Amino acid sequence: MKSPIEDTIWASSYGSVAAVQAAFDRLGSEYHEAIVASGVPASAAETLRPHLDAEAQGIDFGCGSGVLGMMLRALGMQRPLDGLDISPVMLEL
């Protein structure tokens, strides 16, 4: 069985936006846990943070559960990222 990350990110076989949304809606909490455990959001935040003013505003397209914004906040960003995602379940998380 594929991990929740593989089941969604590498899902070209889904074939439509609605199918991708349904996958994230179905696996939302599992995906959130898997992406945090992978370390990718923390690494991305650590890479981005030196290039961002602490007062900067931003938007995260495909934000999922907002974990990148949480990681940036932990590294001193003072304003939250606005986030957009096609999955209401991910946004709710």
Foldseek 3Di string as FASTA:
>chain_A
DDQLCCVQVVPVVLPDPVSSQVSCQVCQVSVVVVVVVVCVLLVVLVVCQVVDDLADEEEAEQCQLVSNQVNVVVVRRDDGYHYDHPHPNRPVD
